[in-house]
Amino acid sequence: MATSVVRVGVAAIISDGQGRVVIGVRKSTSHGTGQWQFPGGHLEMGESFFACAERETLEETGLVVKAEKMIAATNDIFDPKSKHYITVFVKCRRVDETQEPVCESWSWKTWADVKEMLAREGGDQKIFLPIVNLVRDHPDIESLV
């Protein structure tokens, strides 16, 4: 019998200093395919939250970032019997402010854009659950980033 475990995910929130954050469409085949997400992924054994945010951002977007602060955590239950994550959100800044994501699936969106996507009918189906929970639990998220 397989044992289900709670996994830890790390999401990088990268702001451009103009109220926009990097967000892209998930290509994962495990869960959330086609949903909007922040750069991030699984925390590796022995890895810090900051190192994970920096590594995953570079792998997914090509952006070199410096993790600065843990700003929130969410309890994300995708399936109560088999898929449960704790997601740690880390504020990051670009090392080179002129650098842009290398893949076209990543773009800059304002928090108002993210909240508008959520407010639309079925919006919570288009946004990855950790972001849904982040915005629900922290409606003032813009002030934390």
N, C-alpha and C. Protein backbone atom coordinates (compact mmCIF):
# COMPACT_ATOMS: atom_id res chain seq x y z
N MET A 1 0.84 -1.19 0.00
CA MET A 1 0.00 0.00 0.00
C MET A 1 0.88 1.25 0.00
N ALA A 2 0.65 2.14 -0.94
CA ALA A 2 1.42 3.37 -1.04
C ALA A 2 0.99 4.36 0.04
N THR A 3 1.95 5.07 0.58
CA THR A 3 1.67 6.08 1.59
C THR A 3 1.68 7.45 0.93
N SER A 4 0.64 8.20 1.14
CA SER A 4 0.59 9.57 0.62
C SER A 4 1.30 10.48 1.61
N VAL A 5 2.03 11.45 1.08
CA VAL A 5 2.73 12.41 1.93
C VAL A 5 2.40 13.82 1.47
N VAL A 6 2.51 14.75 2.38
CA VAL A 6 2.37 16.15 2.05
C VAL A 6 3.70 16.62 1.48
N ARG A 7 3.67 17.25 0.33
CA ARG A 7 4.90 17.72 -0.32
C ARG A 7 5.02 19.23 -0.14
N VAL A 8 6.23 19.73 -0.32
CA VAL A 8 6.48 21.16 -0.21
C VAL A 8 6.81 21.71 -1.59
N GLY A 9 6.08 22.73 -1.98
CA GLY A 9 6.35 23.45 -3.21
C GLY A 9 6.83 24.85 -2.87
N VAL A 10 7.63 25.42 -3.74
CA VAL A 10 8.11 26.79 -3.55
C VAL A 10 7.75 27.58 -4.81
N ALA A 11 7.16 28.75 -4.60
CA ALA A 11 6.79 29.62 -5.72
C ALA A 11 7.54 30.94 -5.59
N ALA A 12 8.12 31.39 -6.68
CA ALA A 12 8.87 32.65 -6.70
C ALA A 12 7.96 33.76 -7.21
N ILE A 13 7.85 34.82 -6.42
CA ILE A 13 7.11 35.99 -6.85
C ILE A 13 8.14 37.05 -7.21
N ILE A 14 8.24 37.31 -8.51
CA ILE A 14 9.24 38.24 -9.04
C ILE A 14 8.52 39.48 -9.53
N SER A 15 8.78 40.60 -8.89
CA SER A 15 8.14 41.86 -9.27
C SER A 15 9.09 42.67 -10.13
N ASP A 16 8.51 43.47 -11.03
CA ASP A 16 9.33 44.33 -11.88
C ASP A 16 9.46 45.74 -11.31
N GLY A 17 8.94 45.96 -10.10
CA GLY A 17 9.01 47.28 -9.48
C GLY A 17 7.92 48.22 -9.97
N GLN A 18 7.10 47.75 -10.91
CA GLN A 18 6.01 48.56 -11.45
C GLN A 18 4.66 47.91 -11.17
N GLY A 19 4.63 47.01 -10.18
CA GLY A 19 3.39 46.37 -9.79
C GLY A 19 3.04 45.13 -10.60
N ARG A 20 3.98 44.67 -11.42
CA ARG A 20 3.72 43.46 -12.21
C ARG A 20 4.59 42.32 -11.70
N VAL A 21 4.08 41.09 -11.89
CA VAL A 21 4.80 39.89 -11.49
C VAL A 21 4.89 38.92 -12.67
N VAL A 22 5.91 38.06 -12.64
CA VAL A 22 6.08 37.05 -13.69
C VAL A 22 5.11 35.91 -13.43
N ILE A 23 4.34 35.57 -14.44
CA ILE A 23 3.37 34.48 -14.34
C ILE A 23 3.31 33.78 -15.70
N GLY A 24 3.09 32.49 -15.69
CA GLY A 24 3.04 31.74 -16.94
C GLY A 24 2.11 30.56 -16.85
N VAL A 25 1.91 29.91 -17.97
CA VAL A 25 1.00 28.77 -18.05
C VAL A 25 1.77 27.49 -17.75
N ARG A 26 1.23 26.70 -16.83
CA ARG A 26 1.85 25.44 -16.42
C ARG A 26 1.86 24.43 -17.55
N LYS A 27 3.02 23.78 -17.71
CA LYS A 27 3.15 22.71 -18.70
C LYS A 27 3.26 21.35 -18.02
N SER A 28 3.19 21.34 -16.70
CA SER A 28 3.33 20.10 -15.93
C SER A 28 2.30 19.07 -16.35
N THR A 29 2.70 17.81 -16.30
CA THR A 29 1.74 16.75 -16.60
C THR A 29 1.19 16.12 -15.33
N SER A 30 1.75 16.50 -14.16
CA SER A 30 1.30 15.88 -12.91
C SER A 30 -0.01 16.49 -12.41
N HIS A 31 -0.13 17.79 -12.43
CA HIS A 31 -1.36 18.47 -12.03
C HIS A 31 -1.28 19.94 -12.41
N GLY A 32 -2.43 20.53 -12.66
CA GLY A 32 -2.48 21.95 -12.98
C GLY A 32 -2.09 22.32 -14.40
N THR A 33 -2.04 21.36 -15.30
CA THR A 33 -1.65 21.64 -16.68
C THR A 33 -2.57 22.71 -17.27
N GLY A 34 -1.96 23.72 -17.91
CA GLY A 34 -2.73 24.78 -18.56
C GLY A 34 -3.16 25.90 -17.64
N GLN A 35 -2.83 25.82 -16.36
CA GLN A 35 -3.22 26.86 -15.42
C GLN A 35 -2.08 27.87 -15.24
N TRP A 36 -2.44 29.11 -14.90
CA TRP A 36 -1.46 30.16 -14.65
C TRP A 36 -0.77 29.90 -13.32
N GLN A 37 0.57 30.08 -13.30
CA GLN A 37 1.36 29.84 -12.09
C GLN A 37 2.53 30.81 -12.03
N PHE A 38 3.15 30.87 -10.85
CA PHE A 38 4.43 31.55 -10.69
C PHE A 38 5.53 30.53 -10.94
N PRO A 39 6.75 30.97 -11.26
CA PRO A 39 7.85 30.01 -11.36
C PRO A 39 8.00 29.28 -10.03
N GLY A 40 8.32 28.00 -10.09
CA GLY A 40 8.53 27.26 -8.84
C GLY A 40 8.47 25.78 -9.06
N GLY A 41 8.58 25.06 -7.97
CA GLY A 41 8.55 23.61 -8.04
C GLY A 41 8.79 22.99 -6.68
N HIS A 42 9.16 21.72 -6.71
CA HIS A 42 9.35 20.96 -5.47
C HIS A 42 10.63 21.37 -4.75
N LEU A 43 10.53 21.44 -3.45
CA LEU A 43 11.70 21.64 -2.60
C LEU A 43 12.48 20.33 -2.57
N GLU A 44 13.77 20.40 -2.86
CA GLU A 44 14.63 19.22 -2.87
C GLU A 44 15.17 18.96 -1.46
N MET A 45 15.52 17.73 -1.18
CA MET A 45 16.08 17.36 0.11
C MET A 45 17.30 18.22 0.43
N GLY A 46 17.31 18.84 1.60
CA GLY A 46 18.43 19.65 2.05
C GLY A 46 18.51 21.05 1.45
N GLU A 47 17.54 21.42 0.63
CA GLU A 47 17.56 22.71 -0.06
C GLU A 47 16.80 23.76 0.75
N SER A 48 17.26 25.01 0.74
CA SER A 48 16.53 26.09 1.40
C SER A 48 15.41 26.58 0.49
N PHE A 49 14.42 27.26 1.08
CA PHE A 49 13.34 27.85 0.28
C PHE A 49 13.92 28.82 -0.75
N PHE A 50 14.89 29.63 -0.32
CA PHE A 50 15.48 30.64 -1.20
C PHE A 50 16.21 29.98 -2.36
N ALA A 51 17.02 28.97 -2.08
CA ALA A 51 17.76 28.28 -3.14
C ALA A 51 16.80 27.64 -4.13
N CYS A 52 15.72 27.07 -3.63
CA CYS A 52 14.73 26.45 -4.50
C CYS A 52 14.08 27.50 -5.42
N ALA A 53 13.68 28.64 -4.86
CA ALA A 53 13.06 29.70 -5.67
C ALA A 53 14.02 30.18 -6.76
N GLU A 54 15.28 30.36 -6.41
CA GLU A 54 16.27 30.83 -7.39
C GLU A 54 16.51 29.77 -8.47
N ARG A 55 16.65 28.51 -8.06
CA ARG A 55 16.91 27.41 -9.01
C ARG A 55 15.74 27.22 -9.96
N GLU A 56 14.55 27.11 -9.42
CA GLU A 56 13.36 26.87 -10.24
C GLU A 56 13.10 28.03 -11.21
N THR A 57 13.32 29.26 -10.75
CA THR A 57 13.11 30.41 -11.63
C THR A 57 14.07 30.37 -12.81
N LEU A 58 15.34 30.08 -12.53
CA LEU A 58 16.33 29.99 -13.61
C LEU A 58 15.97 28.87 -14.58
N GLU A 59 15.60 27.69 -14.05
CA GLU A 59 15.26 26.54 -14.90
C GLU A 59 14.05 26.84 -15.79
N GLU A 60 13.04 27.49 -15.23
CA GLU A 60 11.78 27.67 -15.95
C GLU A 60 11.73 28.92 -16.82
N THR A 61 12.38 30.00 -16.38
CA THR A 61 12.23 31.27 -17.09
C THR A 61 13.53 31.81 -17.68
N GLY A 62 14.67 31.30 -17.21
CA GLY A 62 15.95 31.84 -17.63
C GLY A 62 16.35 33.08 -16.85
N LEU A 63 15.50 33.54 -15.93
CA LEU A 63 15.80 34.72 -15.13
C LEU A 63 16.72 34.37 -13.97
N VAL A 64 17.74 35.19 -13.76
CA VAL A 64 18.59 35.06 -12.58
C VAL A 64 18.00 35.98 -11.52
N VAL A 65 17.58 35.38 -10.40
CA VAL A 65 16.95 36.15 -9.34
C VAL A 65 17.67 35.94 -8.02
N LYS A 66 17.43 36.86 -7.11
CA LYS A 66 17.93 36.77 -5.74
C LYS A 66 16.70 36.70 -4.84
N ALA A 67 16.56 35.60 -4.13
CA ALA A 67 15.45 35.45 -3.18
C ALA A 67 15.70 36.36 -1.99
N GLU A 68 14.65 37.05 -1.54
CA GLU A 68 14.81 38.05 -0.49
C GLU A 68 14.00 37.77 0.77
N LYS A 69 12.80 37.21 0.61
CA LYS A 69 11.94 37.11 1.79
C LYS A 69 10.83 36.09 1.55
N MET A 70 10.57 35.27 2.55
CA MET A 70 9.39 34.40 2.51
C MET A 70 8.20 35.27 2.89
N ILE A 71 7.18 35.30 2.01
CA ILE A 71 6.07 36.22 2.28
C ILE A 71 4.77 35.53 2.68
N ALA A 72 4.62 34.25 2.35
CA ALA A 72 3.38 33.56 2.71
C ALA A 72 3.55 32.06 2.47
N ALA A 73 2.63 31.31 3.03
CA ALA A 73 2.53 29.87 2.77
C ALA A 73 1.06 29.53 2.64
N THR A 74 0.75 28.58 1.78
CA THR A 74 -0.63 28.14 1.61
C THR A 74 -0.72 26.63 1.81
N ASN A 75 -1.90 26.18 2.20
CA ASN A 75 -2.21 24.77 2.41
C ASN A 75 -3.07 24.35 1.22
N ASP A 76 -2.49 23.59 0.29
CA ASP A 76 -3.14 23.33 -1.00
C ASP A 76 -3.51 21.85 -1.14
N ILE A 77 -4.78 21.57 -0.98
CA ILE A 77 -5.27 20.19 -1.06
C ILE A 77 -5.92 20.01 -2.43
N PHE A 78 -5.18 19.37 -3.33
CA PHE A 78 -5.67 19.11 -4.68
C PHE A 78 -6.61 17.92 -4.67
N ASP A 79 -6.27 16.90 -3.89
CA ASP A 79 -7.07 15.69 -3.71
C ASP A 79 -6.81 15.22 -2.28
N PRO A 80 -7.84 15.19 -1.43
CA PRO A 80 -7.64 14.87 -0.01
C PRO A 80 -6.99 13.51 0.25
N LYS A 81 -7.04 12.61 -0.71
CA LYS A 81 -6.47 11.28 -0.50
C LYS A 81 -5.08 11.11 -1.10
N SER A 82 -4.71 11.98 -2.06
CA SER A 82 -3.45 11.68 -2.74
C SER A 82 -2.57 12.87 -3.11
N LYS A 83 -3.06 14.10 -3.06
CA LYS A 83 -2.23 15.22 -3.52
C LYS A 83 -2.46 16.44 -2.64
N HIS A 84 -1.49 16.65 -1.72
CA HIS A 84 -1.58 17.74 -0.75
C HIS A 84 -0.20 18.41 -0.69
N TYR A 85 -0.19 19.72 -0.86
CA TYR A 85 1.06 20.49 -0.85
C TYR A 85 0.97 21.63 0.16
N ILE A 86 2.10 21.98 0.70
CA ILE A 86 2.29 23.25 1.37
C ILE A 86 3.14 24.05 0.39
N THR A 87 2.67 25.23 0.01
CA THR A 87 3.42 26.05 -0.94
C THR A 87 3.96 27.27 -0.21
N VAL A 88 5.25 27.48 -0.31
CA VAL A 88 5.94 28.61 0.29
C VAL A 88 6.20 29.63 -0.81
N PHE A 89 5.73 30.85 -0.61
CA PHE A 89 5.91 31.92 -1.58
C PHE A 89 7.09 32.79 -1.16
N VAL A 90 8.02 32.97 -2.09
CA VAL A 90 9.25 33.71 -1.82
C VAL A 90 9.34 34.91 -2.74
N LYS A 91 9.52 36.07 -2.14
CA LYS A 91 9.71 37.30 -2.92
C LYS A 91 11.14 37.28 -3.48
N CYS A 92 11.26 37.54 -4.79
CA CYS A 92 12.56 37.56 -5.45
C CYS A 92 12.69 38.83 -6.28
N ARG A 93 13.94 39.21 -6.51
CA ARG A 93 14.19 40.34 -7.42
C ARG A 93 15.14 39.88 -8.51
N ARG A 94 14.99 40.45 -9.70
CA ARG A 94 15.91 40.14 -10.79
C ARG A 94 17.29 40.73 -10.47
N VAL A 95 18.33 39.97 -10.71
CA VAL A 95 19.68 40.45 -10.52
C VAL A 95 19.98 41.52 -11.56
N ASP A 96 19.51 41.31 -12.79
CA ASP A 96 19.66 42.27 -13.88
C ASP A 96 18.25 42.75 -14.24
N GLU A 97 17.94 43.98 -13.89
CA GLU A 97 16.58 44.52 -14.09
C GLU A 97 16.16 44.59 -15.55
N THR A 98 17.09 44.45 -16.48
CA THR A 98 16.73 44.49 -17.90
C THR A 98 16.43 43.10 -18.46
N GLN A 99 16.77 42.06 -17.70
CA GLN A 99 16.57 40.69 -18.18
C GLN A 99 15.08 40.35 -18.21
N GLU A 100 14.68 39.65 -19.26
CA GLU A 100 13.29 39.23 -19.44
C GLU A 100 13.24 37.70 -19.51
N PRO A 101 12.09 37.10 -19.20
CA PRO A 101 11.96 35.64 -19.34
C PRO A 101 12.28 35.20 -20.77
N VAL A 102 12.96 34.05 -20.90
CA VAL A 102 13.38 33.59 -22.23
C VAL A 102 12.29 32.83 -22.97
N CYS A 103 11.30 32.35 -22.29
CA CYS A 103 10.23 31.57 -22.92
C CYS A 103 8.98 32.43 -23.03
N GLU A 104 8.31 32.35 -24.17
CA GLU A 104 7.13 33.20 -24.40
C GLU A 104 5.93 32.83 -23.53
N SER A 105 5.98 31.69 -22.84
CA SER A 105 4.84 31.33 -21.99
C SER A 105 4.82 32.14 -20.69
N TRP A 106 5.89 32.88 -20.41
CA TRP A 106 5.95 33.73 -19.21
C TRP A 106 5.69 35.17 -19.61
N SER A 107 4.92 35.88 -18.77
CA SER A 107 4.65 37.28 -19.05
C SER A 107 4.52 38.05 -17.74
N TRP A 108 4.47 39.34 -17.87
CA TRP A 108 4.29 40.22 -16.71
C TRP A 108 2.80 40.57 -16.60
N LYS A 109 2.24 40.35 -15.42
CA LYS A 109 0.84 40.68 -15.14
C LYS A 109 0.77 41.45 -13.83
N THR A 110 -0.18 42.35 -13.73
CA THR A 110 -0.39 43.06 -12.47
C THR A 110 -1.22 42.17 -11.54
N TRP A 111 -1.21 42.50 -10.26
CA TRP A 111 -2.05 41.76 -9.32
C TRP A 111 -3.52 41.95 -9.68
N ALA A 112 -3.88 43.14 -10.21
CA ALA A 112 -5.26 43.37 -10.66
C ALA A 112 -5.61 42.40 -11.78
N ASP A 113 -4.65 42.13 -12.70
CA ASP A 113 -4.88 41.16 -13.77
C ASP A 113 -5.15 39.77 -13.18
N VAL A 114 -4.31 39.38 -12.22
CA VAL A 114 -4.46 38.05 -11.59
C VAL A 114 -5.82 37.95 -10.90
N LYS A 115 -6.17 38.98 -10.15
CA LYS A 115 -7.46 38.97 -9.43
C LYS A 115 -8.63 38.99 -10.41
N GLU A 116 -8.48 39.70 -11.52
CA GLU A 116 -9.53 39.72 -12.55
C GLU A 116 -9.71 38.33 -13.16
N MET A 117 -8.60 37.64 -13.45
CA MET A 117 -8.70 36.28 -13.98
C MET A 117 -9.43 35.38 -13.00
N LEU A 118 -9.16 35.55 -11.71
CA LEU A 118 -9.82 34.74 -10.69
C LEU A 118 -11.31 35.06 -10.59
N ALA A 119 -11.66 36.33 -10.76
CA ALA A 119 -13.05 36.76 -10.61
C ALA A 119 -13.95 36.30 -11.75
N ARG A 120 -13.37 36.05 -12.91
CA ARG A 120 -14.17 35.58 -14.05
C ARG A 120 -14.76 34.22 -13.75
N GLU A 121 -15.86 33.91 -14.39
CA GLU A 121 -16.49 32.59 -14.23
C GLU A 121 -15.49 31.50 -14.58
N GLY A 122 -15.30 30.57 -13.67
CA GLY A 122 -14.35 29.49 -13.88
C GLY A 122 -12.91 29.90 -13.70
N GLY A 123 -12.68 31.12 -13.20
CA GLY A 123 -11.33 31.63 -13.04
C GLY A 123 -10.46 30.77 -12.15
N ASP A 124 -11.06 30.17 -11.13
CA ASP A 124 -10.27 29.33 -10.24
C ASP A 124 -9.81 28.05 -10.93
N GLN A 125 -10.40 27.73 -12.08
CA GLN A 125 -9.96 26.58 -12.86
C GLN A 125 -8.79 26.94 -13.80
N LYS A 126 -8.57 28.23 -13.98
CA LYS A 126 -7.51 28.69 -14.89
C LYS A 126 -6.25 29.14 -14.13
N ILE A 127 -6.37 29.27 -12.81
CA ILE A 127 -5.27 29.71 -11.96
C ILE A 127 -4.88 28.53 -11.06
N PHE A 128 -3.59 28.27 -10.93
CA PHE A 128 -3.08 27.17 -10.11
C PHE A 128 -3.51 27.36 -8.66
N LEU A 129 -3.99 26.29 -8.03
CA LEU A 129 -4.57 26.34 -6.68
C LEU A 129 -3.75 27.13 -5.67
N PRO A 130 -2.43 26.99 -5.60
CA PRO A 130 -1.70 27.79 -4.61
C PRO A 130 -1.90 29.30 -4.77
N ILE A 131 -2.02 29.79 -6.02
CA ILE A 131 -2.26 31.22 -6.22
C ILE A 131 -3.69 31.57 -5.81
N VAL A 132 -4.65 30.71 -6.11
CA VAL A 132 -6.03 30.92 -5.67
C VAL A 132 -6.05 31.09 -4.15
N ASN A 133 -5.39 30.17 -3.45
CA ASN A 133 -5.37 30.23 -1.98
C ASN A 133 -4.60 31.44 -1.47
N LEU A 134 -3.51 31.80 -2.14
CA LEU A 134 -2.72 32.97 -1.74
C LEU A 134 -3.57 34.24 -1.79
N VAL A 135 -4.26 34.44 -2.90
CA VAL A 135 -5.09 35.65 -3.06
C VAL A 135 -6.26 35.63 -2.09
N ARG A 136 -6.85 34.45 -1.86
CA ARG A 136 -7.95 34.35 -0.90
C ARG A 136 -7.48 34.65 0.53
N ASP A 137 -6.35 34.06 0.92
CA ASP A 137 -5.84 34.21 2.28
C ASP A 137 -5.16 35.56 2.53
N HIS A 138 -4.67 36.20 1.47
CA HIS A 138 -3.93 37.45 1.57
C HIS A 138 -4.44 38.44 0.52
N PRO A 139 -5.66 38.97 0.69
CA PRO A 139 -6.20 39.87 -0.32
C PRO A 139 -5.34 41.12 -0.54
N ASP A 140 -4.46 41.42 0.41
CA ASP A 140 -3.58 42.58 0.31
C ASP A 140 -2.19 42.18 -0.18
N ILE A 141 -2.10 41.08 -0.93
CA ILE A 141 -0.82 40.51 -1.32
C ILE A 141 0.11 41.53 -1.99
N GLU A 142 -0.45 42.48 -2.72
CA GLU A 142 0.40 43.47 -3.39
C GLU A 142 1.29 44.21 -2.40
N SER A 143 0.78 44.45 -1.20
CA SER A 143 1.56 45.21 -0.20
C SER A 143 2.70 44.38 0.39
N LEU A 144 2.66 43.06 0.22
CA LEU A 144 3.70 42.20 0.76
C LEU A 144 4.85 41.99 -0.21
N VAL A 145 4.60 42.28 -1.49
CA VAL A 145 5.60 41.98 -2.52
C VAL A 145 6.46 43.18 -2.82
